[in-house]
C-alpha cells in the first residue's frame, strides 16, 4: 500500500525525472548501508533500497510497453526479463566474491557506484500517461479477469518461494551436494530465466493459450519432484532448469496480462502486481520456514507443500479460462 501511495503521489512527474529520483534514493541508501554504524541506520538504508526497488519495478514494465513499437510488446517484456535474469546470474557470484574477499560493505559500495553510472545513461522522456488515480482502484476491483491474475501470481509466487527460499539448505542437507553446486543452482535459475525470456518473446503470441498452462505445470512438477529426485545430480539439474524457465514464464505472462487488462491505469495495476508479488515472496518464505520448524514435516516437505499451493494457482487459472471462454 505504501508503494501504491508513492506511485499515486508521483503520477504527474515526468518519467525520466522519477527514474532519476528513484536511482538517487537507491544510491544514497546503499551509501548509508556502507557507512552504517548501527542496526537502526542499516534498517533505514535497506528500507530506502526496498522502496526505490519496488516503485521502479511498478513502472518499468508499463514504461517498456509504452516506448515499444506496436506488435513488439511481448519481445520487449522478454528483453526486460532477460536483463533481470542477467543481473541475477552476474550479481550473485560477483556479490559473493566481493563480500568474501573485500567485505560485505564493499559489495554495497560497488552497487552504489554502478547505479551512479547508470543514472547518467539516456532515459526516455515520457509524460505520465496511463498512470491512473485512486478512482482506478475501483475499476480494478471490478475487473474479475485482473483479480484472477492477481490471485494466480500470489499463489504461484508463494508456492515458488516456499521451496526456493530454502534451496541452499535443501541442496546441502537433503541432496547432500557440495556448496559449489548450491551456488551453481542459483546460477542455473538465472540462466533459465534468460531462456524463458527468449521463449516468451518468440513463441508466446503463437501459443498464447498453452504457454501459461505449460509454465504452471512445469513449476508444479518441479516442486513435486524436488524430494523424489534428491541425490541425483543430473536429474536435479534438469529439474532446476525446468523450474527456473517455468517460473519466469509465469511472471512474464501474468505481467503482460495485467498490462492488457488495465490499459487506462497501467502503473497502478503494475504497482498492485508488484506488491502482491512481494507479499508472495514473504508469504512463501514464511510458509517454508513454518514447515521446516514443524517436527512432523521438516525440510523434506517444502516441495510438496509448495506444490499444493501451486495446484491452487492452476485451479484458479482453469476456472478463469473457463469463464473467459463463455464470454
C-alpha atoms as a PDB file:
ATOM      1  CA  UNK A   1       0.000   0.000   0.000  1.00  0.00           C
ATOM      2  CA  UNK A   2       2.925   2.360   0.726  1.00  0.00           C
ATOM      3  CA  UNK A   3       4.267   1.662  -2.756  1.00  0.00           C
ATOM      4  CA  UNK A   4       0.874   2.377  -4.311  1.00  0.00           C
ATOM      5  CA  UNK A   5       0.603   5.640  -2.352  1.00  0.00           C
ATOM      6  CA  UNK A   6       4.063   6.706  -3.558  1.00  0.00           C
ATOM      7  CA  UNK A   7       3.114   5.867  -7.129  1.00  0.00           C
ATOM      8  CA  UNK A   8      -0.069   7.945  -6.986  1.00  0.00           C
ATOM      9  CA  UNK A   9       1.817  10.862  -5.438  1.00  0.00           C
ATOM     10  CA  UNK A  10       4.312  10.768  -8.304  1.00  0.00           C
ATOM     11  CA  UNK A  11       1.675  10.344 -11.023  1.00  0.00           C
ATOM     12  CA  UNK A  12       2.317  13.762 -12.568  1.00  0.00           C
ATOM     13  CA  UNK A  13       6.107  13.524 -12.512  1.00  0.00           C
ATOM     14  CA  UNK A  14       7.762  13.072 -15.895  1.00  0.00           C
ATOM     15  CA  UNK A  15       9.111   9.510 -16.015  1.00  0.00           C
ATOM     16  CA  UNK A  16      12.763  10.372 -16.609  1.00  0.00           C
ATOM     17  CA  UNK A  17      12.752  12.602 -13.521  1.00  0.00           C
ATOM     18  CA  UNK A  18      11.018   9.897 -11.491  1.00  0.00           C
ATOM     19  CA  UNK A  19      13.528   7.259 -12.573  1.00  0.00           C
ATOM     20  CA  UNK A  20      16.409   9.589 -11.715  1.00  0.00           C
ATOM     21  CA  UNK A  21      14.852  10.274  -8.311  1.00  0.00           C
ATOM     22  CA  UNK A  22      14.499   6.553  -7.642  1.00  0.00           C
ATOM     23  CA  UNK A  23      18.126   5.981  -8.605  1.00  0.00           C
ATOM     24  CA  UNK A  24      19.242   8.778  -6.275  1.00  0.00           C
ATOM     25  CA  UNK A  25      17.317   7.197  -3.368  1.00  0.00           C
ATOM     26  CA  UNK A  26      18.804   3.824  -4.317  1.00  0.00           C
ATOM     27  CA  UNK A  27      22.357   5.222  -4.372  1.00  0.00           C
ATOM     28  CA  UNK A  28      22.034   7.189  -1.118  1.00  0.00           C
ATOM     29  CA  UNK A  29      20.553   4.146   0.621  1.00  0.00           C
ATOM     30  CA  UNK A  30      23.467   1.972  -0.466  1.00  0.00           C
ATOM     31  CA  UNK A  31      25.984   4.583   0.681  1.00  0.00           C
ATOM     32  CA  UNK A  32      24.173   4.650   4.045  1.00  0.00           C
ATOM     33  CA  UNK A  33      24.495   0.852   4.148  1.00  0.00           C
ATOM     34  CA  UNK A  34      28.253   1.080   3.576  1.00  0.00           C
ATOM     35  CA  UNK A  35      28.642   3.695   6.333  1.00  0.00           C
ATOM     36  CA  UNK A  36      26.088   2.200   8.764  1.00  0.00           C
ATOM     37  CA  UNK A  37      27.367   2.107  12.341  1.00  0.00           C
ATOM     38  CA  UNK A  38      24.209   0.671  13.905  1.00  0.00           C
ATOM     39  CA  UNK A  39      21.417  -1.723  13.076  1.00  0.00           C
ATOM     40  CA  UNK A  40      18.875   1.132  13.053  1.00  0.00           C
ATOM     41  CA  UNK A  41      20.780   3.011  10.335  1.00  0.00           C
ATOM     42  CA  UNK A  42      21.183  -0.205   8.357  1.00  0.00           C
ATOM     43  CA  UNK A  43      17.447  -0.888   8.619  1.00  0.00           C
ATOM     44  CA  UNK A  44      16.563   2.600   7.357  1.00  0.00           C
ATOM     45  CA  UNK A  45      19.028   2.231   4.484  1.00  0.00           C
ATOM     46  CA  UNK A  46      17.594  -1.111   3.406  1.00  0.00           C
ATOM     47  CA  UNK A  47      14.055   0.295   3.617  1.00  0.00           C
ATOM     48  CA  UNK A  48      15.120   3.043   1.199  1.00  0.00           C
ATOM     49  CA  UNK A  49      16.510   0.462  -1.206  1.00  0.00           C
ATOM     50  CA  UNK A  50      13.325  -1.595  -0.955  1.00  0.00           C
ATOM     51  CA  UNK A  51      11.112   1.425  -1.647  1.00  0.00           C
ATOM     52  CA  UNK A  52      13.138   2.554  -4.672  1.00  0.00           C
ATOM     53  CA  UNK A  53      13.289  -1.000  -5.994  1.00  0.00           C
ATOM     54  CA  UNK A  54       9.548  -1.585  -5.599  1.00  0.00           C
ATOM     55  CA  UNK A  55       8.459   1.673  -7.252  1.00  0.00           C
ATOM     56  CA  UNK A  56      10.991   1.118 -10.048  1.00  0.00           C
ATOM     57  CA  UNK A  57       9.530  -2.288 -10.901  1.00  0.00           C
ATOM     58  CA  UNK A  58       5.995  -0.907 -10.620  1.00  0.00           C
ATOM     59  CA  UNK A  59       6.587   1.477 -13.523  1.00  0.00           C
ATOM     60  CA  UNK A  60       9.203  -0.363 -15.579  1.00  0.00           C
ATOM     61  CA  UNK A  61       7.011  -2.889 -17.395  1.00  0.00           C
ATOM     62  CA  UNK A  62       4.414  -0.302 -18.411  1.00  0.00           C
ATOM     63  CA  UNK A  63       7.211   2.085 -19.426  1.00  0.00           C
ATOM     64  CA  UNK A  64       8.793  -0.555 -21.647  1.00  0.00           C
ATOM     65  CA  UNK A  65       5.466  -1.347 -23.303  1.00  0.00           C
ATOM     66  CA  UNK A  66       4.807   2.373 -23.802  1.00  0.00           C
ATOM     67  CA  UNK A  67       8.025   3.050 -25.738  1.00  0.00           C
ATOM     68  CA  UNK A  68       7.906  -0.168 -27.762  1.00  0.00           C
ATOM     69  CA  UNK A  69       6.546  -0.170 -31.336  1.00  0.00           C
ATOM     70  CA  UNK A  70       3.128  -1.762 -31.715  1.00  0.00           C
ATOM     71  CA  UNK A  71       3.303  -5.541 -32.003  1.00  0.00           C
ATOM     72  CA  UNK A  72       6.677  -5.770 -30.255  1.00  0.00           C
ATOM     73  CA  UNK A  73       5.485  -5.573 -26.636  1.00  0.00           C
ATOM     74  CA  UNK A  74       5.961  -9.283 -25.979  1.00  0.00           C
ATOM     75  CA  UNK A  75       9.545  -9.167 -27.231  1.00  0.00           C
ATOM     76  CA  UNK A  76      10.222  -6.035 -25.174  1.00  0.00           C
ATOM     77  CA  UNK A  77       8.974  -7.637 -21.956  1.00  0.00           C
ATOM     78  CA  UNK A  78      11.115 -10.667 -22.750  1.00  0.00           C
ATOM     79  CA  UNK A  79      14.173  -8.424 -23.085  1.00  0.00           C
ATOM     80  CA  UNK A  80      13.321  -6.751 -19.770  1.00  0.00           C
ATOM     81  CA  UNK A  81      13.191 -10.149 -18.096  1.00  0.00           C
ATOM     82  CA  UNK A  82      16.472 -11.097 -19.770  1.00  0.00           C
ATOM     83  CA  UNK A  83      18.125  -8.074 -18.177  1.00  0.00           C
ATOM     84  CA  UNK A  84      16.736  -9.064 -14.793  1.00  0.00           C
ATOM     85  CA  UNK A  85      17.940 -12.638 -15.247  1.00  0.00           C
ATOM     86  CA  UNK A  86      21.408 -11.464 -16.306  1.00  0.00           C
ATOM     87  CA  UNK A  87      21.564  -9.316 -13.188  1.00  0.00           C
ATOM     88  CA  UNK A  88      20.806 -12.423 -11.141  1.00  0.00           C
ATOM     89  CA  UNK A  89      23.388 -14.526 -12.959  1.00  0.00           C
ATOM     90  CA  UNK A  90      26.144 -11.906 -12.697  1.00  0.00           C
ATOM     91  CA  UNK A  91      25.145 -10.204  -9.453  1.00  0.00           C
ATOM     92  CA  UNK A  92      25.041 -13.219  -7.152  1.00  0.00           C
ATOM     93  CA  UNK A  93      28.548 -14.579  -7.862  1.00  0.00           C
ATOM     94  CA  UNK A  94      30.134 -11.110  -8.094  1.00  0.00           C
ATOM     95  CA  UNK A  95      28.498 -10.074  -4.824  1.00  0.00           C
ATOM     96  CA  UNK A  96      29.724 -13.226  -3.117  1.00  0.00           C
ATOM     97  CA  UNK A  97      33.265 -12.783  -4.414  1.00  0.00           C
ATOM     98  CA  UNK A  98      33.457  -9.123  -3.350  1.00  0.00           C
ATOM     99  CA  UNK A  99      31.947  -9.893   0.029  1.00  0.00           C
ATOM    100  CA  UNK A 100      34.241 -12.839   0.621  1.00  0.00           C
ATOM    101  CA  UNK A 101      37.498 -11.082  -0.247  1.00  0.00           C
ATOM    102  CA  UNK A 102      36.820  -7.398   0.467  1.00  0.00           C
ATOM    103  CA  UNK A 103      33.961  -7.458   2.977  1.00  0.00           C
ATOM    104  CA  UNK A 104      30.201  -7.027   2.652  1.00  0.00           C
ATOM    105  CA  UNK A 105      30.391  -3.214   2.731  1.00  0.00           C
ATOM    106  CA  UNK A 106      32.444  -3.271  -0.463  1.00  0.00           C
ATOM    107  CA  UNK A 107      29.652  -5.165  -2.209  1.00  0.00           C
ATOM    108  CA  UNK A 108      27.098  -2.462  -1.389  1.00  0.00           C
ATOM    109  CA  UNK A 109      29.589   0.254  -2.304  1.00  0.00           C
ATOM    110  CA  UNK A 110      30.083  -1.350  -5.710  1.00  0.00           C
ATOM    111  CA  UNK A 111      26.316  -1.426  -6.264  1.00  0.00           C
ATOM    112  CA  UNK A 112      26.108   2.285  -5.429  1.00  0.00           C
ATOM    113  CA  UNK A 113      28.936   3.049  -7.875  1.00  0.00           C
ATOM    114  CA  UNK A 114      27.325   1.095 -10.727  1.00  0.00           C
ATOM    115  CA  UNK A 115      23.970   2.784 -10.027  1.00  0.00           C
ATOM    116  CA  UNK A 116      25.682   6.194 -10.230  1.00  0.00           C
ATOM    117  CA  UNK A 117      26.994   5.277 -13.674  1.00  0.00           C
ATOM    118  CA  UNK A 118      23.558   4.113 -14.829  1.00  0.00           C
ATOM    119  CA  UNK A 119      21.998   7.339 -13.522  1.00  0.00           C
ATOM    120  CA  UNK A 120      23.686   9.254 -16.335  1.00  0.00           C
ATOM    121  CA  UNK A 121      22.509   6.955 -19.087  1.00  0.00           C
ATOM    122  CA  UNK A 122      19.934   8.319 -21.526  1.00  0.00           C
ATOM    123  CA  UNK A 123      16.426   7.623 -20.242  1.00  0.00           C
ATOM    124  CA  UNK A 124      13.262   8.174 -22.315  1.00  0.00           C
ATOM    125  CA  UNK A 125      11.358  11.383 -21.623  1.00  0.00           C
ATOM    126  CA  UNK A 126       7.784  10.340 -21.236  1.00  0.00           C
ATOM    127  CA  UNK A 127       4.676  12.014 -19.856  1.00  0.00           C
ATOM    128  CA  UNK A 128       2.916  10.105 -17.093  1.00  0.00           C
ATOM    129  CA  UNK A 129       0.229   8.596 -19.307  1.00  0.00           C
ATOM    130  CA  UNK A 130      -1.986   5.715 -18.203  1.00  0.00           C
ATOM    131  CA  UNK A 131      -0.896   6.090 -14.587  1.00  0.00           C
ATOM    132  CA  UNK A 132      -4.354   6.223 -13.042  1.00  0.00           C
ATOM    133  CA  UNK A 133      -5.528   7.632  -9.737  1.00  0.00           C
ATOM    134  CA  UNK A 134      -7.500   6.489  -6.712  1.00  0.00           C
ATOM    135  CA  UNK A 135     -10.596   6.005  -8.871  1.00  0.00           C
ATOM    136  CA  UNK A 136      -8.622   3.396 -10.825  1.00  0.00           C
ATOM    137  CA  UNK A 137      -8.668   1.136  -7.775  1.00  0.00           C
ATOM    138  CA  UNK A 138     -12.457   0.865  -8.003  1.00  0.00           C
ATOM    139  CA  UNK A 139     -12.241  -0.118 -11.668  1.00  0.00           C
ATOM    140  CA  UNK A 140      -9.512  -2.643 -10.919  1.00  0.00           C
ATOM    141  CA  UNK A 141     -11.552  -4.147  -8.063  1.00  0.00           C
ATOM    142  CA  UNK A 142     -14.433  -4.732 -10.516  1.00  0.00           C
ATOM    143  CA  UNK A 143     -12.163  -6.271 -13.154  1.00  0.00           C
ATOM    144  CA  UNK A 144     -12.645 -10.002 -12.472  1.00  0.00           C
ATOM    145  CA  UNK A 145     -10.075 -11.274 -15.011  1.00  0.00           C
ATOM    146  CA  UNK A 146      -7.476  -8.949 -13.469  1.00  0.00           C
ATOM    147  CA  UNK A 147      -8.355 -10.108  -9.943  1.00  0.00           C
ATOM    148  CA  UNK A 148      -7.842 -13.676 -11.171  1.00  0.00           C
ATOM    149  CA  UNK A 149      -4.389 -12.692 -12.467  1.00  0.00           C
ATOM    150  CA  UNK A 150      -3.513 -11.190  -9.088  1.00  0.00           C
ATOM    151  CA  UNK A 151      -4.691 -14.335  -7.303  1.00  0.00           C
ATOM    152  CA  UNK A 152      -2.682 -16.539  -9.657  1.00  0.00           C
ATOM    153  CA  UNK A 153       0.535 -14.567  -9.165  1.00  0.00           C
ATOM    154  CA  UNK A 154       0.039 -14.524  -5.386  1.00  0.00           C
ATOM    155  CA  UNK A 155      -0.380 -18.306  -5.258  1.00  0.00           C
ATOM    156  CA  UNK A 156       2.356 -19.076  -7.806  1.00  0.00           C
ATOM    157  CA  UNK A 157       4.962 -16.864  -6.116  1.00  0.00           C
ATOM    158  CA  UNK A 158       4.034 -18.186  -2.666  1.00  0.00           C
ATOM    159  CA  UNK A 159       4.397 -21.747  -3.954  1.00  0.00           C
ATOM    160  CA  UNK A 160       7.740 -20.978  -5.589  1.00  0.00           C
ATOM    161  CA  UNK A 161       9.295 -19.255  -2.582  1.00  0.00           C
ATOM    162  CA  UNK A 162       8.008 -21.848  -0.125  1.00  0.00           C
ATOM    163  CA  UNK A 163      10.738 -24.055  -1.573  1.00  0.00           C
ATOM    164  CA  UNK A 164      13.135 -21.661  -3.326  1.00  0.00           C
ATOM    165  CA  UNK A 165      13.762 -19.625  -0.153  1.00  0.00           C
ATOM    166  CA  UNK A 166      15.403 -22.726   1.324  1.00  0.00           C
ATOM    167  CA  UNK A 167      17.003 -24.122  -1.806  1.00  0.00           C
ATOM    168  CA  UNK A 168      20.535 -23.900  -0.400  1.00  0.00           C
ATOM    169  CA  UNK A 169      19.915 -25.955   2.779  1.00  0.00           C
ATOM    170  CA  UNK A 170      17.877 -28.422   0.700  1.00  0.00           C
ATOM    171  CA  UNK A 171      20.733 -28.878  -1.769  1.00  0.00           C
ATOM    172  CA  UNK A 172      23.308 -29.215   1.010  1.00  0.00           C
ATOM    173  CA  UNK A 173      21.439 -31.363   3.524  1.00  0.00           C
ATOM    174  CA  UNK A 174      18.844 -33.322   1.549  1.00  0.00           C
ATOM    175  CA  UNK A 175      20.593 -33.701  -1.799  1.00  0.00           C
ATOM    176  CA  UNK A 176      23.959 -33.888   0.008  1.00  0.00           C
ATOM    177  CA  UNK A 177      25.572 -31.911  -2.809  1.00  0.00           C
ATOM    178  CA  UNK A 178      28.584 -29.612  -2.401  1.00  0.00           C
ATOM    179  CA  UNK A 179      28.422 -25.877  -1.557  1.00  0.00           C
ATOM    180  CA  UNK A 180      29.771 -25.243  -5.068  1.00  0.00           C
ATOM    181  CA  UNK A 181      26.738 -26.972  -6.551  1.00  0.00           C
ATOM    182  CA  UNK A 182      24.460 -24.927  -4.288  1.00  0.00           C
ATOM    183  CA  UNK A 183      25.911 -21.772  -5.855  1.00  0.00           C
ATOM    184  CA  UNK A 184      25.605 -23.342  -9.305  1.00  0.00           C
ATOM    185  CA  UNK A 185      21.889 -23.947  -8.733  1.00  0.00           C
ATOM    186  CA  UNK A 186      21.351 -20.211  -8.230  1.00  0.00           C
ATOM    187  CA  UNK A 187      23.193 -19.555 -11.488  1.00  0.00           C
ATOM    188  CA  UNK A 188      21.094 -22.203 -13.226  1.00  0.00           C
ATOM    189  CA  UNK A 189      17.934 -20.408 -12.148  1.00  0.00           C
ATOM    190  CA  UNK A 190      19.270 -17.143 -13.537  1.00  0.00           C
ATOM    191  CA  UNK A 191      20.258 -18.712 -16.854  1.00  0.00           C
ATOM    192  CA  UNK A 192      16.887 -20.459 -17.017  1.00  0.00           C
ATOM    193  CA  UNK A 193      15.271 -17.047 -16.674  1.00  0.00           C
ATOM    194  CA  UNK A 194      17.126 -15.891 -19.780  1.00  0.00           C
ATOM    195  CA  UNK A 195      15.927 -18.965 -21.671  1.00  0.00           C
ATOM    196  CA  UNK A 196      12.344 -18.284 -20.558  1.00  0.00           C
ATOM    197  CA  UNK A 197      12.610 -14.676 -21.727  1.00  0.00           C
ATOM    198  CA  UNK A 198      13.737 -15.759 -25.192  1.00  0.00           C
ATOM    199  CA  UNK A 199      10.991 -18.395 -25.434  1.00  0.00           C
ATOM    200  CA  UNK A 200       8.393 -15.864 -24.291  1.00  0.00           C
ATOM    201  CA  UNK A 201       9.405 -13.280 -26.869  1.00  0.00           C
ATOM    202  CA  UNK A 202       9.497 -15.820 -29.670  1.00  0.00           C
ATOM    203  CA  UNK A 203       6.559 -18.127 -29.003  1.00  0.00           C
ATOM    204  CA  UNK A 204       4.028 -16.560 -26.619  1.00  0.00           C
ATOM    205  CA  UNK A 205       1.904 -14.816 -29.246  1.00  0.00           C
ATOM    206  CA  UNK A 206       1.716 -18.037 -31.278  1.00  0.00           C
ATOM    207  CA  UNK A 207       0.816 -20.259 -28.320  1.00  0.00           C
ATOM    208  CA  UNK A 208      -0.889 -17.786 -26.020  1.00  0.00           C
ATOM    209  CA  UNK A 209      -3.399 -20.234 -24.540  1.00  0.00           C
ATOM    210  CA  UNK A 210      -0.990 -23.077 -23.870  1.00  0.00           C
ATOM    211  CA  UNK A 211       2.022 -21.048 -22.711  1.00  0.00           C
ATOM    212  CA  UNK A 212       0.738 -20.351 -19.196  1.00  0.00           C
ATOM    213  CA  UNK A 213      -0.599 -23.878 -18.795  1.00  0.00           C
ATOM    214  CA  UNK A 214       2.806 -25.365 -19.624  1.00  0.00           C
ATOM    215  CA  UNK A 215       4.590 -22.942 -17.304  1.00  0.00           C
ATOM    216  CA  UNK A 216       2.275 -23.685 -14.372  1.00  0.00           C
ATOM    217  CA  UNK A 217       2.527 -27.433 -14.886  1.00  0.00           C
ATOM    218  CA  UNK A 218       6.310 -27.028 -15.096  1.00  0.00           C
ATOM    219  CA  UNK A 219       6.504 -25.354 -11.676  1.00  0.00           C
ATOM    220  CA  UNK A 220       4.016 -27.819 -10.171  1.00  0.00           C
ATOM    221  CA  UNK A 221       6.000 -30.791 -11.488  1.00  0.00           C
ATOM    222  CA  UNK A 222       9.315 -29.329 -10.314  1.00  0.00           C
ATOM    223  CA  UNK A 223       8.055 -28.828  -6.771  1.00  0.00           C
ATOM    224  CA  UNK A 224       6.570 -32.329  -6.687  1.00  0.00           C
ATOM    225  CA  UNK A 225       9.843 -33.872  -7.908  1.00  0.00           C
ATOM    226  CA  UNK A 226      12.194 -31.970  -5.571  1.00  0.00           C
ATOM    227  CA  UNK A 227      12.325 -34.740  -2.987  1.00  0.00           C
ATOM    228  CA  UNK A 228      11.780 -37.624  -5.394  1.00  0.00           C
ATOM    229  CA  UNK A 229      14.885 -36.716  -7.429  1.00  0.00           C
ATOM    230  CA  UNK A 230      17.010 -35.780  -4.396  1.00  0.00           C
ATOM    231  CA  UNK A 231      20.576 -37.044  -4.685  1.00  0.00           C
ATOM    232  CA  UNK A 232      20.568 -37.377  -8.492  1.00  0.00           C
ATOM    233  CA  UNK A 233      22.805 -34.591  -9.795  1.00  0.00           C
ATOM    234  CA  UNK A 234      21.885 -34.742 -13.486  1.00  0.00           C
ATOM    235  CA  UNK A 235      18.147 -35.111 -12.896  1.00  0.00           C
ATOM    236  CA  UNK A 236      18.117 -32.396 -10.241  1.00  0.00           C
ATOM    237  CA  UNK A 237      19.966 -30.034 -12.575  1.00  0.00           C
ATOM    238  CA  UNK A 238      17.347 -30.665 -15.259  1.00  0.00           C
ATOM    239  CA  UNK A 239      14.651 -30.036 -12.652  1.00  0.00           C
ATOM    240  CA  UNK A 240      16.246 -26.693 -11.726  1.00  0.00           C
ATOM    241  CA  UNK A 241      16.239 -25.648 -15.392  1.00  0.00           C
ATOM    242  CA  UNK A 242      12.568 -26.606 -15.818  1.00  0.00           C
ATOM    243  CA  UNK A 243      11.655 -24.846 -12.585  1.00  0.00           C
ATOM    244  CA  UNK A 244      13.521 -21.645 -13.443  1.00  0.00           C
ATOM    245  CA  UNK A 245      12.174 -21.455 -17.002  1.00  0.00           C
ATOM    246  CA  UNK A 246       8.604 -22.143 -15.894  1.00  0.00           C
ATOM    247  CA  UNK A 247       8.534 -19.644 -13.022  1.00  0.00           C
ATOM    248  CA  UNK A 248       9.956 -16.829 -15.136  1.00  0.00           C
ATOM    249  CA  UNK A 249       7.434 -17.634 -17.862  1.00  0.00           C
ATOM    250  CA  UNK A 250       4.549 -17.388 -15.375  1.00  0.00           C
ATOM    251  CA  UNK A 251       5.723 -13.960 -14.233  1.00  0.00           C
ATOM    252  CA  UNK A 252       6.073 -12.687 -17.805  1.00  0.00           C
ATOM    253  CA  UNK A 253       2.677 -13.941 -18.963  1.00  0.00           C
ATOM    254  CA  UNK A 254       0.845 -12.528 -15.949  1.00  0.00           C
ATOM    255  CA  UNK A 255       2.668  -9.184 -16.252  1.00  0.00           C
ATOM    256  CA  UNK A 256       1.576  -8.877 -19.868  1.00  0.00           C
ATOM    257  CA  UNK A 257      -1.997  -9.840 -18.983  1.00  0.00           C
ATOM    258  CA  UNK A 258      -2.057  -7.213 -16.241  1.00  0.00           C
ATOM    259  CA  UNK A 259      -0.991  -4.515 -18.703  1.00  0.00           C
ATOM    260  CA  UNK A 260      -3.578  -5.616 -21.265  1.00  0.00           C
ATOM    261  CA  UNK A 261      -6.413  -5.831 -18.727  1.00  0.00           C
ATOM    262  CA  UNK A 262      -5.770  -2.351 -17.289  1.00  0.00           C
ATOM    263  CA  UNK A 263      -4.827  -0.157 -20.285  1.00  0.00           C
ATOM    264  CA  UNK A 264      -6.048   3.054 -18.615  1.00  0.00           C
ATOM    265  CA  UNK A 265      -4.196   2.522 -15.328  1.00  0.00           C
ATOM    266  CA  UNK A 266      -1.093   0.516 -16.157  1.00  0.00           C
ATOM    267  CA  UNK A 267       1.135   1.936 -13.410  1.00  0.00           C
ATOM    268  CA  UNK A 268      -1.469   1.413 -10.671  1.00  0.00           C
ATOM    269  CA  UNK A 269      -2.198  -2.103 -11.920  1.00  0.00           C
ATOM    270  CA  UNK A 270       1.512  -2.943 -12.044  1.00  0.00           C
ATOM    271  CA  UNK A 271       2.133  -1.457  -8.605  1.00  0.00           C
ATOM    272  CA  UNK A 272      -0.509  -3.818  -7.235  1.00  0.00           C
ATOM    273  CA  UNK A 273       1.089  -6.662  -9.195  1.00  0.00           C
ATOM    274  CA  UNK A 274       4.489  -5.802  -7.716  1.00  0.00           C
ATOM    275  CA  UNK A 275       3.071  -5.519  -4.208  1.00  0.00           C
ATOM    276  CA  UNK A 276       1.273  -8.856  -4.489  1.00  0.00           C
ATOM    277  CA  UNK A 277       4.455 -10.436  -5.867  1.00  0.00           C
ATOM    278  CA  UNK A 278       6.406  -9.205  -2.841  1.00  0.00           C
ATOM    279  CA  UNK A 279       3.697 -10.482  -0.494  1.00  0.00           C
ATOM    280  CA  UNK A 280       4.047 -13.850  -2.217  1.00  0.00           C
ATOM    281  CA  UNK A 281       7.808 -13.808  -1.636  1.00  0.00           C
ATOM    282  CA  UNK A 282       7.376 -13.082   2.061  1.00  0.00           C
ATOM    283  CA  UNK A 283       4.437 -15.443   2.423  1.00  0.00           C
ATOM    284  CA  UNK A 284       6.303 -18.267   0.725  1.00  0.00           C
ATOM    285  CA  UNK A 285       9.407 -17.782   2.877  1.00  0.00           C
ATOM    286  CA  UNK A 286       7.221 -17.699   5.999  1.00  0.00           C
ATOM    287  CA  UNK A 287       5.306 -20.830   4.993  1.00  0.00           C
ATOM    288  CA  UNK A 288       8.516 -22.671   4.159  1.00  0.00           C
ATOM    289  CA  UNK A 289      10.050 -21.652   7.483  1.00  0.00           C
ATOM    290  CA  UNK A 290       6.992 -22.907   9.365  1.00  0.00           C
ATOM    291  CA  UNK A 291       7.192 -26.250   7.554  1.00  0.00           C
ATOM    292  CA  UNK A 292      10.884 -26.640   8.347  1.00  0.00           C
ATOM    293  CA  UNK A 293      10.285 -25.757  12.004  1.00  0.00           C
ATOM    294  CA  UNK A 294       7.474 -28.325  12.310  1.00  0.00           C
ATOM    295  CA  UNK A 295       8.795 -31.570  13.783  1.00  0.00           C
ATOM    296  CA  UNK A 296       6.483 -33.792  11.727  1.00  0.00           C
ATOM    297  CA  UNK A 297       7.319 -32.079   8.429  1.00  0.00           C
ATOM    298  CA  UNK A 298      10.762 -30.510   8.035  1.00  0.00           C
ATOM    299  CA  UNK A 299      12.910 -29.577   5.055  1.00  0.00           C
ATOM    300  CA  UNK A 300      11.898 -32.667   3.064  1.00  0.00           C
ATOM    301  CA  UNK A 301       8.305 -31.421   2.753  1.00  0.00           C
ATOM    302  CA  UNK A 302       8.792 -27.900   1.380  1.00  0.00           C
ATOM    303  CA  UNK A 303       8.444 -29.061  -2.226  1.00  0.00           C
ATOM    304  CA  UNK A 304       5.220 -30.956  -1.590  1.00  0.00           C
ATOM    305  CA  UNK A 305       3.614 -28.074   0.305  1.00  0.00           C
ATOM    306  CA  UNK A 306       4.720 -25.644  -2.408  1.00  0.00           C
ATOM    307  CA  UNK A 307       3.172 -27.969  -4.997  1.00  0.00           C
ATOM    308  CA  UNK A 308      -0.102 -27.893  -3.065  1.00  0.00           C
ATOM    309  CA  UNK A 309      -0.173 -24.099  -3.222  1.00  0.00           C
ATOM    310  CA  UNK A 310       0.771 -24.201  -6.907  1.00  0.00           C
ATOM    311  CA  UNK A 311      -2.124 -26.565  -7.575  1.00  0.00           C
ATOM    312  CA  UNK A 312      -4.465 -23.853  -6.272  1.00  0.00           C
ATOM    313  CA  UNK A 313      -2.965 -21.430  -8.820  1.00  0.00           C
ATOM    314  CA  UNK A 314      -3.594 -23.978 -11.580  1.00  0.00           C
ATOM    315  CA  UNK A 315      -7.210 -24.370 -10.458  1.00  0.00           C
ATOM    316  CA  UNK A 316      -7.719 -20.591 -10.452  1.00  0.00           C
ATOM    317  CA  UNK A 317      -6.295 -20.416 -13.976  1.00  0.00           C
ATOM    318  CA  UNK A 318      -8.602 -23.205 -15.095  1.00  0.00           C
ATOM    319  CA  UNK A 319     -11.661 -21.510 -13.620  1.00  0.00           C
ATOM    320  CA  UNK A 320     -10.681 -18.150 -15.116  1.00  0.00           C
ATOM    321  CA  UNK A 321     -10.086 -19.676 -18.557  1.00  0.00           C
ATOM    322  CA  UNK A 322     -13.456 -21.447 -18.405  1.00  0.00           C
ATOM    323  CA  UNK A 323     -15.297 -18.226 -17.523  1.00  0.00           C
ATOM    324  CA  UNK A 324     -13.474 -16.294 -20.263  1.00  0.00           C
ATOM    325  CA  UNK A 325     -14.390 -18.909 -22.881  1.00  0.00           C
ATOM    326  CA  UNK A 326     -18.086 -18.459 -22.069  1.00  0.00           C
ATOM    327  CA  UNK A 327     -17.975 -14.692 -22.540  1.00  0.00           C
END
